[in-house]
Amino acid sequence: MSDRLRSRRLFPVVLVLASLGAVTVSGIASGDDASAVVPTSGAAKYTTRGVVKSFGPERKYVNIAHEDIDGYMMAMTMSFEPRSASQIASLSPGDKVRFTFTASDDGRRRIDAIAKE
């Protein structure tokens, strides 16, 4: 496959990932596949509202249908890990919550604070 064709095929994927703020782009023009998408580093904190949908086994995570999170993600249902079991012990499916979480560069979303509304 030519470098030009390969770049054209990668462009839509890179554009979507870059718009989500999940990656930085390098090496596209050179056709270097190994360095085409490089993860960014660091962690960011976000605060949003949502509705508890369910829990993972042994409440190791909670699934929350959240509102749009500016600069991070459109509204959807995602899983979040509590920093301690006590954070989500009193929650039940259907509870409306406001919460702050840290999104790390390894894809984990850990709850910093959560409260029923």
N, C-alpha and C. Protein backbone atom coordinates (compact mmCIF):
# COMPACT_ATOMS: atom_id res chain seq x y z
N MET A 1 0.85 -1.17 0.00
CA MET A 1 0.00 0.00 0.00
C MET A 1 0.90 1.24 0.00
N SER A 2 0.56 2.21 -0.82
CA SER A 2 1.38 3.42 -0.90
C SER A 2 1.21 4.26 0.37
N ASP A 3 2.23 5.08 0.65
CA ASP A 3 2.16 5.95 1.82
C ASP A 3 0.99 6.91 1.73
N ARG A 4 0.72 7.39 0.55
CA ARG A 4 -0.39 8.34 0.37
C ARG A 4 -1.72 7.67 0.67
N LEU A 5 -1.93 6.46 0.17
CA LEU A 5 -3.17 5.73 0.41
C LEU A 5 -3.29 5.39 1.89
N ARG A 6 -2.21 4.96 2.50
CA ARG A 6 -2.22 4.62 3.92
C ARG A 6 -2.60 5.85 4.75
N SER A 7 -2.05 7.03 4.42
CA SER A 7 -2.38 8.25 5.13
C SER A 7 -3.85 8.59 4.98
N ARG A 8 -4.40 8.42 3.80
CA ARG A 8 -5.82 8.69 3.58
C ARG A 8 -6.70 7.77 4.41
N ARG A 9 -6.30 6.50 4.54
CA ARG A 9 -7.11 5.55 5.28
C ARG A 9 -7.03 5.82 6.78
N LEU A 10 -5.90 6.33 7.26
CA LEU A 10 -5.74 6.62 8.68
C LEU A 10 -6.35 7.94 9.10
N PHE A 11 -6.45 8.88 8.18
CA PHE A 11 -6.89 10.23 8.53
C PHE A 11 -8.22 10.27 9.27
N PRO A 12 -9.29 9.60 8.80
CA PRO A 12 -10.56 9.68 9.55
C PRO A 12 -10.45 9.13 10.97
N VAL A 13 -9.70 8.08 11.17
CA VAL A 13 -9.54 7.50 12.51
C VAL A 13 -8.76 8.45 13.40
N VAL A 14 -7.69 8.99 12.90
CA VAL A 14 -6.88 9.92 13.67
C VAL A 14 -7.67 11.18 13.98
N LEU A 15 -8.44 11.67 13.04
CA LEU A 15 -9.24 12.86 13.25
C LEU A 15 -10.24 12.65 14.38
N VAL A 16 -10.93 11.55 14.40
CA VAL A 16 -11.90 11.26 15.46
C VAL A 16 -11.20 11.15 16.80
N LEU A 17 -10.12 10.39 16.88
CA LEU A 17 -9.40 10.23 18.14
C LEU A 17 -8.84 11.54 18.64
N ALA A 18 -8.29 12.33 17.75
CA ALA A 18 -7.73 13.62 18.15
C ALA A 18 -8.82 14.56 18.64
N SER A 19 -9.99 14.50 18.03
CA SER A 19 -11.08 15.38 18.46
C SER A 19 -11.59 15.01 19.84
N LEU A 20 -11.40 13.76 20.25
CA LEU A 20 -11.78 13.33 21.59
C LEU A 20 -10.72 13.69 22.63
N GLY A 21 -9.59 14.19 22.17
CA GLY A 21 -8.52 14.58 23.08
C GLY A 21 -7.76 13.38 23.62
N ALA A 22 -7.91 12.23 22.99
CA ALA A 22 -7.29 11.01 23.50
C ALA A 22 -5.90 10.77 22.97
N VAL A 23 -5.53 11.43 21.90
CA VAL A 23 -4.24 11.13 21.29
C VAL A 23 -3.60 12.38 20.74
N THR A 24 -2.31 12.27 20.47
CA THR A 24 -1.62 13.26 19.66
C THR A 24 -1.20 12.55 18.40
N VAL A 25 -0.99 13.31 17.35
CA VAL A 25 -0.70 12.70 16.05
C VAL A 25 0.73 13.01 15.67
N SER A 26 1.45 11.99 15.20
CA SER A 26 2.79 12.19 14.67
C SER A 26 3.07 11.10 13.66
N GLY A 27 3.89 11.36 12.71
CA GLY A 27 4.32 10.34 11.78
C GLY A 27 3.35 10.03 10.66
N ILE A 28 2.21 10.72 10.54
CA ILE A 28 1.24 10.42 9.49
C ILE A 28 1.84 10.72 8.12
N ALA A 29 2.44 11.89 7.97
CA ALA A 29 2.97 12.26 6.67
C ALA A 29 4.09 11.33 6.23
N SER A 30 4.85 10.82 7.19
CA SER A 30 5.97 9.96 6.83
C SER A 30 5.52 8.53 6.57
N GLY A 31 4.27 8.20 6.96
CA GLY A 31 3.78 6.85 6.79
C GLY A 31 4.32 5.88 7.82
N ASP A 32 4.88 6.38 8.90
CA ASP A 32 5.43 5.54 9.96
C ASP A 32 4.29 5.02 10.82
N ASP A 33 3.83 3.79 10.54
CA ASP A 33 2.69 3.21 11.24
C ASP A 33 2.89 3.12 12.73
N ALA A 34 4.08 2.84 13.19
CA ALA A 34 4.34 2.65 14.61
C ALA A 34 4.15 3.93 15.41
N SER A 35 4.34 5.08 14.79
CA SER A 35 4.22 6.32 15.53
C SER A 35 3.03 7.16 15.06
N ALA A 36 2.10 6.57 14.35
CA ALA A 36 0.97 7.33 13.83
C ALA A 36 0.07 7.85 14.92
N VAL A 37 -0.14 7.08 15.98
CA VAL A 37 -1.00 7.51 17.08
C VAL A 37 -0.24 7.27 18.38
N VAL A 38 0.00 8.35 19.13
CA VAL A 38 0.74 8.25 20.37
C VAL A 38 -0.14 8.74 21.50
N PRO A 39 -0.37 7.93 22.55
CA PRO A 39 -1.21 8.36 23.66
C PRO A 39 -0.65 9.60 24.34
N THR A 40 -1.53 10.45 24.81
CA THR A 40 -1.12 11.60 25.60
C THR A 40 -0.89 11.15 27.03
N SER A 41 -0.20 11.94 27.81
CA SER A 41 0.05 11.58 29.20
C SER A 41 -0.70 12.51 30.13
N GLY A 42 -0.83 12.08 31.39
CA GLY A 42 -1.47 12.90 32.39
C GLY A 42 -2.88 12.45 32.71
N ALA A 43 -3.48 13.14 33.65
CA ALA A 43 -4.83 12.84 34.08
C ALA A 43 -5.59 14.15 34.22
N ALA A 44 -6.90 14.08 34.04
CA ALA A 44 -7.72 15.28 34.15
C ALA A 44 -8.93 14.98 35.02
N LYS A 45 -9.45 16.00 35.71
CA LYS A 45 -10.63 15.86 36.57
C LYS A 45 -11.82 16.50 35.89
N TYR A 46 -12.98 15.86 36.06
CA TYR A 46 -14.23 16.34 35.49
C TYR A 46 -15.34 16.18 36.51
N THR A 47 -16.33 17.06 36.44
CA THR A 47 -17.51 16.96 37.29
C THR A 47 -18.74 16.94 36.39
N THR A 48 -19.69 16.06 36.70
CA THR A 48 -20.90 15.94 35.91
C THR A 48 -22.02 15.35 36.74
N ARG A 49 -23.17 15.22 36.11
CA ARG A 49 -24.34 14.59 36.74
C ARG A 49 -24.71 13.35 35.95
N GLY A 50 -25.43 12.44 36.61
CA GLY A 50 -25.87 11.26 35.91
C GLY A 50 -26.85 10.44 36.73
N VAL A 51 -27.20 9.28 36.19
CA VAL A 51 -28.11 8.35 36.85
C VAL A 51 -27.41 7.00 36.96
N VAL A 52 -27.40 6.44 38.15
CA VAL A 52 -26.78 5.13 38.37
C VAL A 52 -27.62 4.09 37.63
N LYS A 53 -26.97 3.29 36.81
CA LYS A 53 -27.66 2.24 36.05
C LYS A 53 -27.46 0.86 36.64
N SER A 54 -26.23 0.52 37.03
CA SER A 54 -25.95 -0.81 37.56
C SER A 54 -24.56 -0.80 38.19
N PHE A 55 -24.21 -1.96 38.75
CA PHE A 55 -22.91 -2.13 39.39
C PHE A 55 -22.22 -3.36 38.83
N GLY A 56 -20.90 -3.35 38.86
CA GLY A 56 -20.12 -4.52 38.47
C GLY A 56 -20.08 -5.51 39.61
N PRO A 57 -19.53 -6.69 39.35
CA PRO A 57 -19.40 -7.70 40.40
C PRO A 57 -18.72 -7.13 41.64
N GLU A 58 -19.28 -7.42 42.80
CA GLU A 58 -18.74 -6.95 44.08
C GLU A 58 -18.62 -5.43 44.15
N ARG A 59 -19.41 -4.75 43.32
CA ARG A 59 -19.41 -3.27 43.28
C ARG A 59 -18.01 -2.70 43.04
N LYS A 60 -17.25 -3.37 42.20
CA LYS A 60 -15.90 -2.86 41.88
C LYS A 60 -15.99 -1.68 40.93
N TYR A 61 -17.15 -1.50 40.28
CA TYR A 61 -17.38 -0.32 39.45
C TYR A 61 -18.88 -0.04 39.41
N VAL A 62 -19.21 1.16 39.01
CA VAL A 62 -20.60 1.58 38.87
C VAL A 62 -20.80 2.11 37.46
N ASN A 63 -21.90 1.73 36.83
CA ASN A 63 -22.24 2.23 35.50
C ASN A 63 -23.18 3.41 35.67
N ILE A 64 -22.80 4.53 35.09
CA ILE A 64 -23.57 5.77 35.23
C ILE A 64 -23.87 6.33 33.85
N ALA A 65 -25.16 6.64 33.61
CA ALA A 65 -25.57 7.36 32.39
C ALA A 65 -25.36 8.84 32.70
N HIS A 66 -24.31 9.43 32.15
CA HIS A 66 -23.95 10.80 32.49
C HIS A 66 -24.32 11.78 31.39
N GLU A 67 -24.38 13.05 31.78
CA GLU A 67 -24.60 14.14 30.84
C GLU A 67 -23.34 14.35 30.00
N ASP A 68 -23.42 15.26 29.02
CA ASP A 68 -22.22 15.65 28.28
C ASP A 68 -21.17 16.15 29.28
N ILE A 69 -19.94 15.78 29.06
CA ILE A 69 -18.84 16.23 29.90
C ILE A 69 -17.94 17.09 29.02
N ASP A 70 -18.05 18.40 29.20
CA ASP A 70 -17.30 19.34 28.36
C ASP A 70 -15.82 18.99 28.33
N GLY A 71 -15.28 18.91 27.12
CA GLY A 71 -13.87 18.64 26.94
C GLY A 71 -13.47 17.18 27.11
N TYR A 72 -14.49 16.30 27.33
CA TYR A 72 -14.12 14.89 27.55
C TYR A 72 -14.98 13.92 26.75
N MET A 73 -16.30 13.93 26.93
CA MET A 73 -17.13 12.89 26.34
C MET A 73 -18.56 13.37 26.22
N MET A 74 -19.22 12.92 25.14
CA MET A 74 -20.64 13.23 25.01
C MET A 74 -21.43 12.35 25.99
N ALA A 75 -22.71 12.64 26.16
CA ALA A 75 -23.55 11.89 27.09
C ALA A 75 -23.61 10.42 26.67
N MET A 76 -23.42 9.55 27.65
CA MET A 76 -23.49 8.10 27.42
C MET A 76 -23.42 7.39 28.76
N THR A 77 -23.50 6.07 28.75
CA THR A 77 -23.34 5.29 29.97
C THR A 77 -21.93 4.72 29.98
N MET A 78 -21.21 4.96 31.08
CA MET A 78 -19.84 4.48 31.22
C MET A 78 -19.63 3.94 32.63
N SER A 79 -18.59 3.14 32.79
CA SER A 79 -18.25 2.62 34.11
C SER A 79 -17.21 3.50 34.78
N PHE A 80 -17.32 3.59 36.10
CA PHE A 80 -16.41 4.38 36.91
C PHE A 80 -16.01 3.55 38.12
N GLU A 81 -14.74 3.61 38.50
CA GLU A 81 -14.24 2.87 39.66
C GLU A 81 -14.26 3.76 40.89
N PRO A 82 -14.81 3.26 42.00
CA PRO A 82 -14.71 4.04 43.23
C PRO A 82 -13.30 3.94 43.79
N ARG A 83 -12.85 4.96 44.49
CA ARG A 83 -11.54 4.90 45.15
C ARG A 83 -11.65 4.04 46.41
N SER A 84 -12.86 4.01 46.99
CA SER A 84 -13.12 3.11 48.12
C SER A 84 -14.56 2.61 48.00
N ALA A 85 -14.82 1.42 48.54
CA ALA A 85 -16.14 0.81 48.44
C ALA A 85 -17.22 1.67 49.09
N SER A 86 -16.85 2.42 50.11
CA SER A 86 -17.82 3.25 50.83
C SER A 86 -18.41 4.36 49.97
N GLN A 87 -17.70 4.77 48.92
CA GLN A 87 -18.20 5.84 48.05
C GLN A 87 -19.52 5.47 47.38
N ILE A 88 -19.70 4.21 47.04
CA ILE A 88 -20.90 3.81 46.30
C ILE A 88 -21.79 2.86 47.09
N ALA A 89 -21.48 2.63 48.37
CA ALA A 89 -22.22 1.67 49.19
C ALA A 89 -23.69 2.03 49.33
N SER A 90 -24.02 3.30 49.43
CA SER A 90 -25.41 3.71 49.65
C SER A 90 -26.18 3.97 48.36
N LEU A 91 -25.55 3.77 47.21
CA LEU A 91 -26.21 4.05 45.93
C LEU A 91 -27.01 2.84 45.45
N SER A 92 -28.07 3.15 44.70
CA SER A 92 -28.91 2.12 44.08
C SER A 92 -29.19 2.52 42.64
N PRO A 93 -29.48 1.53 41.78
CA PRO A 93 -29.87 1.88 40.41
C PRO A 93 -31.04 2.86 40.41
N GLY A 94 -30.94 3.88 39.57
CA GLY A 94 -31.97 4.91 39.49
C GLY A 94 -31.64 6.17 40.25
N ASP A 95 -30.64 6.11 41.15
CA ASP A 95 -30.25 7.30 41.91
C ASP A 95 -29.64 8.33 40.98
N LYS A 96 -30.06 9.58 41.16
CA LYS A 96 -29.44 10.70 40.45
C LYS A 96 -28.25 11.15 41.28
N VAL A 97 -27.11 11.34 40.60
CA VAL A 97 -25.88 11.69 41.30
C VAL A 97 -25.15 12.83 40.61
N ARG A 98 -24.33 13.49 41.39
CA ARG A 98 -23.36 14.47 40.88
C ARG A 98 -22.02 13.92 41.34
N PHE A 99 -21.05 13.86 40.42
CA PHE A 99 -19.78 13.27 40.79
C PHE A 99 -18.60 13.91 40.07
N THR A 100 -17.45 13.78 40.70
CA THR A 100 -16.19 14.24 40.14
C THR A 100 -15.31 13.01 39.99
N PHE A 101 -14.64 12.91 38.85
CA PHE A 101 -13.78 11.76 38.61
C PHE A 101 -12.50 12.21 37.93
N THR A 102 -11.50 11.35 38.02
CA THR A 102 -10.23 11.56 37.35
C THR A 102 -10.12 10.58 36.20
N ALA A 103 -9.86 11.09 35.01
CA ALA A 103 -9.65 10.25 33.82
C ALA A 103 -8.14 10.19 33.60
N SER A 104 -7.57 9.00 33.71
CA SER A 104 -6.13 8.85 33.56
C SER A 104 -5.78 8.45 32.14
N ASP A 105 -4.52 8.58 31.81
CA ASP A 105 -4.06 8.27 30.46
C ASP A 105 -4.13 6.78 30.14
N ASP A 106 -4.35 5.93 31.14
CA ASP A 106 -4.47 4.50 30.87
C ASP A 106 -5.94 4.08 30.66
N GLY A 107 -6.84 5.07 30.59
CA GLY A 107 -8.25 4.79 30.31
C GLY A 107 -9.11 4.58 31.54
N ARG A 108 -8.53 4.61 32.73
CA ARG A 108 -9.31 4.42 33.95
C ARG A 108 -10.03 5.70 34.31
N ARG A 109 -11.23 5.54 34.85
CA ARG A 109 -12.02 6.66 35.35
C ARG A 109 -12.33 6.36 36.82
N ARG A 110 -11.69 7.11 37.73
CA ARG A 110 -11.83 6.85 39.16
C ARG A 110 -12.59 7.98 39.82
N ILE A 111 -13.58 7.60 40.62
CA ILE A 111 -14.44 8.57 41.30
C ILE A 111 -13.67 9.22 42.43
N ASP A 112 -13.67 10.57 42.43
CA ASP A 112 -13.06 11.34 43.52
C ASP A 112 -14.11 11.66 44.57
N ALA A 113 -15.30 12.03 44.11
CA ALA A 113 -16.41 12.37 45.01
C ALA A 113 -17.71 12.06 44.29
N ILE A 114 -18.72 11.61 45.05
CA ILE A 114 -20.03 11.32 44.46
C ILE A 114 -21.09 11.54 45.52
N ALA A 115 -22.22 12.13 45.13
CA ALA A 115 -23.30 12.41 46.07
C ALA A 115 -24.65 12.30 45.34
N LYS A 116 -25.65 11.84 46.05
CA LYS A 116 -27.01 11.79 45.51
C LYS A 116 -27.53 13.20 45.38
N GLU A 117 -28.36 13.41 44.37
CA GLU A 117 -28.99 14.73 44.19
C GLU A 117 -30.44 14.66 44.57
